Amino acid sequence: MSFLKEFRNRELAEALVRKLRDIPLRKPIKICHVCGTHEWTIVHYGLRSLLPANIELIAGPGCPVCITPALDIDQAAELALQGKIVTVFGDVSRSIGTKYSLEAVRSEGGSVKIVYSIIDAIKIAKSDQSKEVVFFAVGFETTAPITALYILRTPPKNFSILNSHRYVPPAVINLYSRGKLEMDGVIAPGHATTISGLKAYEPLAKEYGIPVVASGFEPVDVLMSIFMLVKQISEGKAEVLNQYSRSVTWEGNVKAMQTIGRVFELTDAHWRGIGKIDHSGFVLKDEFKDYDARYKYGLKNVDYASEMHPGCRCAEVMLGRIKPTQCPLYMKTCKPNKPIGPCMVSVEGACRIWATHMLLP
């Protein structure tokens, strides 16, 4: 705990803010972070209010529950209503597909069980092999390795996964290159970058001139990362730097990435409200297709066009184009205890973070 105190030290934070104010900038800049935990730190400690007016912090698509396609939730609901046992993380169960959340499906008699990991789901499958069990595999490169590891350990035949894993670095690079994400620098998510390694973000700096800093999650971590980015921008540099050296390396967790690579391959994937992004999703390799719930149960794709609820502006929130308070549903019909948009569901969703900190329009 004493170690953490250093990263919550008020004097250090104030010194960093003073240094930030001394850096000359030719124009206003936008710094994007891609992590719900960073957004929580920024809001909880009021970091936006400490920054000079010409530095804007925007939240990118870094909440895995927020970007999980409505179609995938619909497919999980369909399986649960067919009598398969669908196992899912608690926050994902509250996200609404095109019609229902898995929580609502459970109240209607669907078979939905909350788990903490794929390990719990496999235990359920082993406990009664007459029942079909599906694990709704959601998350980024932080959760994909354990899914891959347990697929390699040959789970029982009554077990499969409904895969919705996504990969952050190519998504950020692609969104910037297509003009969907406007930014002058990126705070890379410390936990996901611990797995992928800093090198995954190198194209952003080398090809597009956008500096990147991998950041920890305490307030001093975030302020230091902002300082490292602003200094680069002021000096006309674009490098990939590491503020979170107590966890992140250039190569990342090589073993975890190799485990992912043995089970999954990269494919173009849909991100809710944002659309298809090149090479941003993990799909099971053919040799593991018997564990693919879509293949096993012949699930059909549907149109993604209607996946956002009328009036919901979560997609713009996830691209940093508007603040949560600018959505017309925010804290009116969409609240933490009754979310409509996906950004109000998870503790990593920007709308929920703003709402629980009582930030109002």
Foldseek 3Di string as FASTA:
>chain_A
DVVVCVLQPPVLLLVLLVLQVPQDDPAQFEEEEQWLLQLLQCLVVVVQVSHDPSYHYAYAPNDFLQFQALQLQVVLLVCQVVPAAEEEAPLNQQAHRLHGGVVVSVVVVGRYHYDDAVVVQLVVCVVDVVHAYEYAAIEELLRLLVVLVVLVVPGDLSAAYAYDYWYPLLQVQQCVVVVLAGGQEYAYEQSSQLAAALQSNQCCCPVVVHAYEHFDNGSSRVSVRVSVRSNCNSVSHHYYYYSPVVRGHRRHPVVSVVSLVVFWFFAFDGTQLQGTGGRTGTDGDPVSCSRHPCVVVVDDGDDSPSGADPQDPLSCSNSRNDQLQPRPCQPPVAALVRHRRSLSRDSSRRSVSCVVSVPHD
